[in-house]
Amino acid sequence: MKENIRGIIFDLDGTLFDSCGMWHQIDVDFFKKRNMDIPKDYNKKIAPLGLAKAAEFTKSEYCIKESIEEIIKEWHDMAVYEYTYNVNIKPFVKEYLELCKNKGLKLAIATANDEEFYMPALKRNRIEQYFDFICDVNEYKGTKNTPDIYLHVANSLNLSPCDMAVFEDIPRAIKSAKEGGFFVVAVDDAHEVDFVDEKKKLADRFIYSFDELL
């Protein structure tokens, strides 16, 4: 990590949460219910969008007959249960957050997820107290296809991008954070092995596990 880092913005799913496998299974089951195989690179396409925009994209791109509202409800009902009872943080995440707070860093979350999903998991894993600011799809309506969400979080913490790091697991989001002037750490995820080389090229640093930073 750079010496001058004063704050860190974390993505949630696939970065702090070991949840990408859960979302992938929801996607698989969604298309299987319609006698379809999950499209190639589907997760990569929808990951930066947030639930509502992902539903719009899915309905339009794959000619799903259900309404956007019905698609969202189907995903919603499956996801709420998983986040409430099953989604856990990745190994050494809590130890790293504790280390960062002891160093006086400001910590934030920037996620395309919704509070109804992630907050039960943050509380059950006992890490919600580490964060000074959380920016989600209700706080910020844009996607991670541009740097704007990261710049919004930095401004909310009264920090400059050059003084901050962003932790992300999706190539498009990594690229956006770099475009915003942040130091970017790409995080490996077992469910995204096809993107490892791309993430290594885009980011300033790549980690397989948070214990590398302890």
C-alpha atoms as a PDB file:
ATOM      1  CA  MET A   1       0.000   0.000   0.000  1.00  0.00           C
ATOM      2  CA  LYS A   2       1.091   3.588  -0.584  1.00  0.00           C
ATOM      3  CA  GLU A   3       2.463   5.408   2.434  1.00  0.00           C
ATOM      4  CA  ASN A   4       0.096   8.381   2.144  1.00  0.00           C
ATOM      5  CA  ILE A   5      -3.196   6.442   2.181  1.00  0.00           C
ATOM      6  CA  ARG A   6      -5.645   8.140   4.549  1.00  0.00           C
ATOM      7  CA  GLY A   7      -8.825   6.325   3.598  1.00  0.00           C
ATOM      8  CA  ILE A   8     -10.084   3.191   1.861  1.00  0.00           C
ATOM      9  CA  ILE A   9     -13.245   2.512  -0.134  1.00  0.00           C
ATOM     10  CA  PHE A  10     -14.318  -1.132  -0.174  1.00  0.00           C
ATOM     11  CA  ASP A  11     -16.651  -2.920  -2.524  1.00  0.00           C
ATOM     12  CA  LEU A  12     -18.771  -5.560  -0.776  1.00  0.00           C
ATOM     13  CA  ASP A  13     -19.698  -8.552  -2.943  1.00  0.00           C
ATOM     14  CA  GLY A  14     -16.639 -10.514  -3.992  1.00  0.00           C
ATOM     15  CA  THR A  15     -14.360  -8.116  -2.098  1.00  0.00           C
ATOM     16  CA  LEU A  16     -15.336  -8.150   1.586  1.00  0.00           C
ATOM     17  CA  PHE A  17     -18.209 -10.628   1.276  1.00  0.00           C
ATOM     18  CA  ASP A  18     -17.744 -14.161  -0.019  1.00  0.00           C
ATOM     19  CA  SER A  19     -21.059 -13.814  -1.834  1.00  0.00           C
ATOM     20  CA  CYS A  20     -20.398 -14.053  -5.561  1.00  0.00           C
ATOM     21  CA  GLY A  21     -21.086 -17.780  -5.548  1.00  0.00           C
ATOM     22  CA  MET A  22     -24.492 -17.089  -4.016  1.00  0.00           C
ATOM     23  CA  TRP A  23     -25.349 -14.475  -6.652  1.00  0.00           C
ATOM     24  CA  HIS A  24     -24.100 -16.786  -9.389  1.00  0.00           C
ATOM     25  CA  GLN A  25     -26.389 -19.557  -8.160  1.00  0.00           C
ATOM     26  CA  ILE A  26     -29.335 -17.147  -8.099  1.00  0.00           C
ATOM     27  CA  ASP A  27     -28.553 -16.255 -11.722  1.00  0.00           C
ATOM     28  CA  VAL A  28     -28.227 -19.917 -12.711  1.00  0.00           C
ATOM     29  CA  ASP A  29     -31.546 -20.764 -11.063  1.00  0.00           C
ATOM     30  CA  PHE A  30     -33.226 -17.743 -12.639  1.00  0.00           C
ATOM     31  CA  PHE A  31     -32.331 -18.792 -16.192  1.00  0.00           C
ATOM     32  CA  LYS A  32     -32.835 -22.505 -15.485  1.00  0.00           C
ATOM     33  CA  LYS A  33     -36.422 -21.741 -14.429  1.00  0.00           C
ATOM     34  CA  ARG A  34     -36.870 -20.374 -17.968  1.00  0.00           C
ATOM     35  CA  ASN A  35     -35.148 -23.346 -19.637  1.00  0.00           C
ATOM     36  CA  MET A  36     -32.091 -21.244 -20.478  1.00  0.00           C
ATOM     37  CA  ASP A  37     -28.402 -21.567 -19.724  1.00  0.00           C
ATOM     38  CA  ILE A  38     -26.836 -18.618 -17.981  1.00  0.00           C
ATOM     39  CA  PRO A  39     -25.349 -16.356 -20.710  1.00  0.00           C
ATOM     40  CA  LYS A  40     -21.588 -16.076 -21.076  1.00  0.00           C
ATOM     41  CA  ASP A  41     -20.078 -13.207 -19.025  1.00  0.00           C
ATOM     42  CA  TYR A  42     -23.508 -12.425 -17.570  1.00  0.00           C
ATOM     43  CA  ASN A  43     -22.111 -11.674 -14.112  1.00  0.00           C
ATOM     44  CA  LYS A  44     -19.460  -9.369 -15.551  1.00  0.00           C
ATOM     45  CA  LYS A  45     -22.121  -7.415 -17.438  1.00  0.00           C
ATOM     46  CA  ILE A  46     -24.539  -6.908 -14.550  1.00  0.00           C
ATOM     47  CA  ALA A  47     -22.168  -6.649 -11.569  1.00  0.00           C
ATOM     48  CA  PRO A  48     -21.659  -2.834 -11.742  1.00  0.00           C
ATOM     49  CA  LEU A  49     -25.328  -2.040 -12.383  1.00  0.00           C
ATOM     50  CA  GLY A  50     -27.275  -2.534  -9.172  1.00  0.00           C
ATOM     51  CA  LEU A  51     -30.463  -4.569  -8.901  1.00  0.00           C
ATOM     52  CA  ALA A  52     -32.894  -2.336 -10.806  1.00  0.00           C
ATOM     53  CA  LYS A  53     -30.622  -1.644 -13.775  1.00  0.00           C
ATOM     54  CA  ALA A  54     -29.563  -5.313 -13.869  1.00  0.00           C
ATOM     55  CA  ALA A  55     -33.235  -6.289 -14.130  1.00  0.00           C
ATOM     56  CA  GLU A  56     -33.782  -3.792 -16.957  1.00  0.00           C
ATOM     57  CA  PHE A  57     -30.746  -5.143 -18.795  1.00  0.00           C
ATOM     58  CA  THR A  58     -31.759  -8.793 -18.270  1.00  0.00           C
ATOM     59  CA  LYS A  59     -35.328  -8.285 -19.473  1.00  0.00           C
ATOM     60  CA  SER A  60     -34.239  -6.346 -22.575  1.00  0.00           C
ATOM     61  CA  GLU A  61     -31.192  -8.423 -23.517  1.00  0.00           C
ATOM     62  CA  TYR A  62     -32.700 -11.893 -23.014  1.00  0.00           C
ATOM     63  CA  CYS A  63     -36.382 -11.234 -23.783  1.00  0.00           C
ATOM     64  CA  ILE A  64     -37.637 -12.192 -20.323  1.00  0.00           C
ATOM     65  CA  LYS A  65     -41.456 -12.069 -20.308  1.00  0.00           C
ATOM     66  CA  GLU A  66     -41.824 -11.065 -16.644  1.00  0.00           C
ATOM     67  CA  SER A  67     -41.896  -7.386 -15.764  1.00  0.00           C
ATOM     68  CA  ILE A  68     -38.873  -5.624 -14.306  1.00  0.00           C
ATOM     69  CA  GLU A  69     -40.692  -5.501 -10.974  1.00  0.00           C
ATOM     70  CA  GLU A  70     -41.329  -9.258 -11.039  1.00  0.00           C
ATOM     71  CA  ILE A  71     -37.692  -9.995 -11.905  1.00  0.00           C
ATOM     72  CA  ILE A  72     -36.493  -7.815  -9.035  1.00  0.00           C
ATOM     73  CA  LYS A  73     -38.871  -9.492  -6.574  1.00  0.00           C
ATOM     74  CA  GLU A  74     -37.698 -12.946  -7.626  1.00  0.00           C
ATOM     75  CA  TRP A  75     -34.068 -12.003  -7.063  1.00  0.00           C
ATOM     76  CA  HIS A  76     -34.961 -10.089  -3.911  1.00  0.00           C
ATOM     77  CA  ASP A  77     -36.665 -12.957  -2.138  1.00  0.00           C
ATOM     78  CA  MET A  78     -33.797 -15.351  -2.779  1.00  0.00           C
ATOM     79  CA  ALA A  79     -31.090 -12.851  -1.840  1.00  0.00           C
ATOM     80  CA  VAL A  80     -32.610 -11.572   1.415  1.00  0.00           C
ATOM     81  CA  TYR A  81     -32.570 -15.059   2.886  1.00  0.00           C
ATOM     82  CA  GLU A  82     -28.975 -15.727   1.839  1.00  0.00           C
ATOM     83  CA  TYR A  83     -27.592 -12.432   3.192  1.00  0.00           C
ATOM     84  CA  THR A  84     -29.491 -12.763   6.447  1.00  0.00           C
ATOM     85  CA  TYR A  85     -28.369 -16.295   7.242  1.00  0.00           C
ATOM     86  CA  ASN A  86     -25.542 -17.510   5.009  1.00  0.00           C
ATOM     87  CA  VAL A  87     -23.287 -14.815   3.495  1.00  0.00           C
ATOM     88  CA  ASN A  88     -19.980 -14.432   5.352  1.00  0.00           C
ATOM     89  CA  ILE A  89     -16.973 -12.156   5.085  1.00  0.00           C
ATOM     90  CA  LYS A  90     -13.783 -13.423   3.483  1.00  0.00           C
ATOM     91  CA  PRO A  91     -10.914 -14.681   5.659  1.00  0.00           C
ATOM     92  CA  PHE A  92      -8.885 -11.990   7.486  1.00  0.00           C
ATOM     93  CA  VAL A  93     -11.261  -9.177   6.483  1.00  0.00           C
ATOM     94  CA  LYS A  94     -12.120  -8.297  10.074  1.00  0.00           C
ATOM     95  CA  GLU A  95      -8.461  -8.351  11.108  1.00  0.00           C
ATOM     96  CA  TYR A  96      -7.551  -6.012   8.248  1.00  0.00           C
ATOM     97  CA  LEU A  97     -10.382  -3.586   9.037  1.00  0.00           C
ATOM     98  CA  GLU A  98      -9.248  -3.527  12.677  1.00  0.00           C
ATOM     99  CA  LEU A  99      -5.682  -2.788  11.584  1.00  0.00           C
ATOM    100  CA  CYS A 100      -6.843   0.073   9.344  1.00  0.00           C
ATOM    101  CA  LYS A 101      -8.944   1.674  12.095  1.00  0.00           C
ATOM    102  CA  ASN A 102      -6.039   1.407  14.534  1.00  0.00           C
ATOM    103  CA  LYS A 103      -3.954   3.340  12.001  1.00  0.00           C
ATOM    104  CA  GLY A 104      -6.586   6.089  11.916  1.00  0.00           C
ATOM    105  CA  LEU A 105      -7.792   5.475   8.357  1.00  0.00           C
ATOM    106  CA  LYS A 106     -11.275   6.473   7.277  1.00  0.00           C
ATOM    107  CA  LEU A 107     -13.138   3.478   5.863  1.00  0.00           C
ATOM    108  CA  ALA A 108     -16.110   3.465   3.513  1.00  0.00           C
ATOM    109  CA  ILE A 109     -18.190   1.114   1.402  1.00  0.00           C
ATOM    110  CA  ALA A 110     -19.255   1.726  -2.203  1.00  0.00           C
ATOM    111  CA  THR A 111     -21.649  -0.958  -3.356  1.00  0.00           C
ATOM    112  CA  ALA A 112     -24.226  -1.566  -6.051  1.00  0.00           C
ATOM    113  CA  ASN A 113     -26.077  -3.592  -3.430  1.00  0.00           C
ATOM    114  CA  ASP A 114     -29.064  -2.535  -1.314  1.00  0.00           C
ATOM    115  CA  GLU A 115     -29.051  -1.963   2.456  1.00  0.00           C
ATOM    116  CA  GLU A 116     -31.810  -4.537   2.933  1.00  0.00           C
ATOM    117  CA  PHE A 117     -29.391  -7.187   1.683  1.00  0.00           C
ATOM    118  CA  TYR A 118     -25.982  -6.213   2.996  1.00  0.00           C
ATOM    119  CA  MET A 119     -26.769  -4.760   6.433  1.00  0.00           C
ATOM    120  CA  PRO A 120     -27.882  -8.068   8.020  1.00  0.00           C
ATOM    121  CA  ALA A 121     -24.625  -9.632   6.802  1.00  0.00           C
ATOM    122  CA  LEU A 122     -22.515  -6.714   8.065  1.00  0.00           C
ATOM    123  CA  LYS A 123     -24.139  -6.990  11.487  1.00  0.00           C
ATOM    124  CA  ARG A 124     -24.045 -10.791  11.683  1.00  0.00           C
ATOM    125  CA  ASN A 125     -20.331 -10.715  10.792  1.00  0.00           C
ATOM    126  CA  ARG A 126     -19.800  -7.856  13.289  1.00  0.00           C
ATOM    127  CA  ILE A 127     -17.979  -5.432  11.009  1.00  0.00           C
ATOM    128  CA  GLU A 128     -20.497  -2.601  10.477  1.00  0.00           C
ATOM    129  CA  GLN A 129     -18.845  -0.478  13.188  1.00  0.00           C
ATOM    130  CA  TYR A 130     -15.639  -0.071  11.186  1.00  0.00           C
ATOM    131  CA  PHE A 131     -17.160   2.088   8.451  1.00  0.00           C
ATOM    132  CA  ASP A 132     -17.459   5.869   8.496  1.00  0.00           C
ATOM    133  CA  PHE A 133     -19.661   6.034   5.417  1.00  0.00           C
ATOM    134  CA  ILE A 134     -21.658   3.611   3.267  1.00  0.00           C
ATOM    135  CA  CYS A 135     -22.707   4.492  -0.261  1.00  0.00           C
ATOM    136  CA  ASP A 136     -25.201   2.165  -1.927  1.00  0.00           C
ATOM    137  CA  VAL A 137     -27.783   2.284  -4.707  1.00  0.00           C
ATOM    138  CA  ASN A 138     -30.088   4.364  -2.501  1.00  0.00           C
ATOM    139  CA  GLU A 139     -27.387   6.930  -1.680  1.00  0.00           C
ATOM    140  CA  TYR A 140     -26.043   7.148  -5.238  1.00  0.00           C
ATOM    141  CA  LYS A 141     -28.074   6.279  -8.330  1.00  0.00           C
ATOM    142  CA  GLY A 142     -25.198   5.766 -10.775  1.00  0.00           C
ATOM    143  CA  THR A 143     -23.207   2.631 -11.603  1.00  0.00           C
ATOM    144  CA  LYS A 144     -19.551   1.697 -11.296  1.00  0.00           C
ATOM    145  CA  ASN A 145     -19.014   2.120 -15.020  1.00  0.00           C
ATOM    146  CA  THR A 146     -17.644   5.593 -14.231  1.00  0.00           C
ATOM    147  CA  PRO A 147     -15.489   6.891 -11.330  1.00  0.00           C
ATOM    148  CA  ASP A 148     -18.319   9.091 -10.020  1.00  0.00           C
ATOM    149  CA  ILE A 149     -19.406   6.880  -7.115  1.00  0.00           C
ATOM    150  CA  TYR A 150     -15.845   6.695  -5.768  1.00  0.00           C
ATOM    151  CA  LEU A 151     -15.404  10.460  -6.149  1.00  0.00           C
ATOM    152  CA  HIS A 152     -18.689  10.959  -4.297  1.00  0.00           C
ATOM    153  CA  VAL A 153     -17.470   8.805  -1.396  1.00  0.00           C
ATOM    154  CA  ALA A 154     -14.094  10.556  -1.285  1.00  0.00           C
ATOM    155  CA  ASN A 155     -15.824  13.939  -1.167  1.00  0.00           C
ATOM    156  CA  SER A 156     -18.103  12.718   1.629  1.00  0.00           C
ATOM    157  CA  LEU A 157     -15.007  11.773   3.660  1.00  0.00           C
ATOM    158  CA  ASN A 158     -13.272  15.095   2.822  1.00  0.00           C
ATOM    159  CA  LEU A 159     -10.407  13.241   1.163  1.00  0.00           C
ATOM    160  CA  SER A 160      -8.807  13.424  -2.275  1.00  0.00           C
ATOM    161  CA  PRO A 161      -8.562  10.391  -4.580  1.00  0.00           C
ATOM    162  CA  CYS A 162      -4.776  10.567  -4.412  1.00  0.00           C
ATOM    163  CA  ASP A 163      -5.020   9.961  -0.651  1.00  0.00           C
ATOM    164  CA  MET A 164      -7.312   6.940  -0.960  1.00  0.00           C
ATOM    165  CA  ALA A 165      -7.306   3.299  -1.993  1.00  0.00           C
ATOM    166  CA  VAL A 166     -10.185   1.395  -3.562  1.00  0.00           C
ATOM    167  CA  PHE A 167     -10.616  -2.364  -3.116  1.00  0.00           C
ATOM    168  CA  GLU A 168     -12.598  -4.000  -5.941  1.00  0.00           C
ATOM    169  CA  ASP A 169     -13.046  -7.413  -7.562  1.00  0.00           C
ATOM    170  CA  ILE A 170     -14.701  -6.530 -10.910  1.00  0.00           C
ATOM    171  CA  PRO A 171     -12.499  -5.411 -13.843  1.00  0.00           C
ATOM    172  CA  ARG A 172     -14.867  -2.646 -14.984  1.00  0.00           C
ATOM    173  CA  ALA A 173     -15.031  -1.198 -11.469  1.00  0.00           C
ATOM    174  CA  ILE A 174     -11.245  -1.455 -11.069  1.00  0.00           C
ATOM    175  CA  LYS A 175     -10.808   0.488 -14.303  1.00  0.00           C
ATOM    176  CA  SER A 176     -13.292   3.149 -13.175  1.00  0.00           C
ATOM    177  CA  ALA A 177     -11.526   3.654  -9.849  1.00  0.00           C
ATOM    178  CA  LYS A 178      -8.185   4.002 -11.626  1.00  0.00           C
ATOM    179  CA  GLU A 179      -9.715   6.583 -13.958  1.00  0.00           C
ATOM    180  CA  GLY A 180     -10.775   8.516 -10.856  1.00  0.00           C
ATOM    181  CA  GLY A 181      -7.181   8.772  -9.635  1.00  0.00           C
ATOM    182  CA  PHE A 182      -7.355   6.217  -6.814  1.00  0.00           C
ATOM    183  CA  PHE A 183      -4.786   3.611  -5.784  1.00  0.00           C
ATOM    184  CA  VAL A 184      -6.612   0.378  -6.625  1.00  0.00           C
ATOM    185  CA  VAL A 185      -6.233  -3.019  -5.004  1.00  0.00           C
ATOM    186  CA  ALA A 186      -7.821  -5.875  -6.956  1.00  0.00           C
ATOM    187  CA  VAL A 187      -9.142  -8.695  -4.806  1.00  0.00           C
ATOM    188  CA  ASP A 188      -9.218 -12.284  -6.020  1.00  0.00           C
ATOM    189  CA  ASP A 189     -12.470 -14.209  -5.899  1.00  0.00           C
ATOM    190  CA  ALA A 190     -12.805 -17.934  -6.382  1.00  0.00           C
ATOM    191  CA  HIS A 191     -15.852 -17.434  -8.577  1.00  0.00           C
ATOM    192  CA  GLU A 192     -14.078 -15.036 -10.982  1.00  0.00           C
ATOM    193  CA  VAL A 193     -10.906 -16.938 -11.872  1.00  0.00           C
ATOM    194  CA  ASP A 194     -11.233 -16.032 -15.558  1.00  0.00           C
ATOM    195  CA  PHE A 195     -10.605 -12.375 -14.715  1.00  0.00           C
ATOM    196  CA  VAL A 196      -7.388 -12.724 -12.689  1.00  0.00           C
ATOM    197  CA  ASP A 197      -4.987 -11.654 -15.440  1.00  0.00           C
ATOM    198  CA  GLU A 198      -7.157  -8.719 -16.430  1.00  0.00           C
ATOM    199  CA  LYS A 199      -7.445  -7.549 -12.830  1.00  0.00           C
ATOM    200  CA  LYS A 200      -3.673  -7.777 -12.333  1.00  0.00           C
ATOM    201  CA  LYS A 201      -3.107  -5.589 -15.400  1.00  0.00           C
ATOM    202  CA  LEU A 202      -5.668  -2.962 -14.398  1.00  0.00           C
ATOM    203  CA  ALA A 203      -4.911  -2.579 -10.675  1.00  0.00           C
ATOM    204  CA  ASP A 204      -1.964  -1.173  -8.752  1.00  0.00           C
ATOM    205  CA  ARG A 205      -1.875  -4.274  -6.592  1.00  0.00           C
ATOM    206  CA  PHE A 206      -3.547  -7.683  -6.643  1.00  0.00           C
ATOM    207  CA  ILE A 207      -4.203  -9.810  -3.556  1.00  0.00           C
ATOM    208  CA  TYR A 208      -5.441 -13.362  -3.214  1.00  0.00           C
ATOM    209  CA  SER A 209      -6.259 -12.883   0.472  1.00  0.00           C
ATOM    210  CA  PHE A 210      -6.359 -10.067   3.022  1.00  0.00           C
ATOM    211  CA  ASP A 211      -3.724 -11.806   5.126  1.00  0.00           C
ATOM    212  CA  GLU A 212      -1.185 -10.526   2.572  1.00  0.00           C
ATOM    213  CA  LEU A 213      -1.792  -7.027   3.980  1.00  0.00           C
ATOM    214  CA  LEU A 214      -1.536  -7.899   7.679  1.00  0.00           C
END
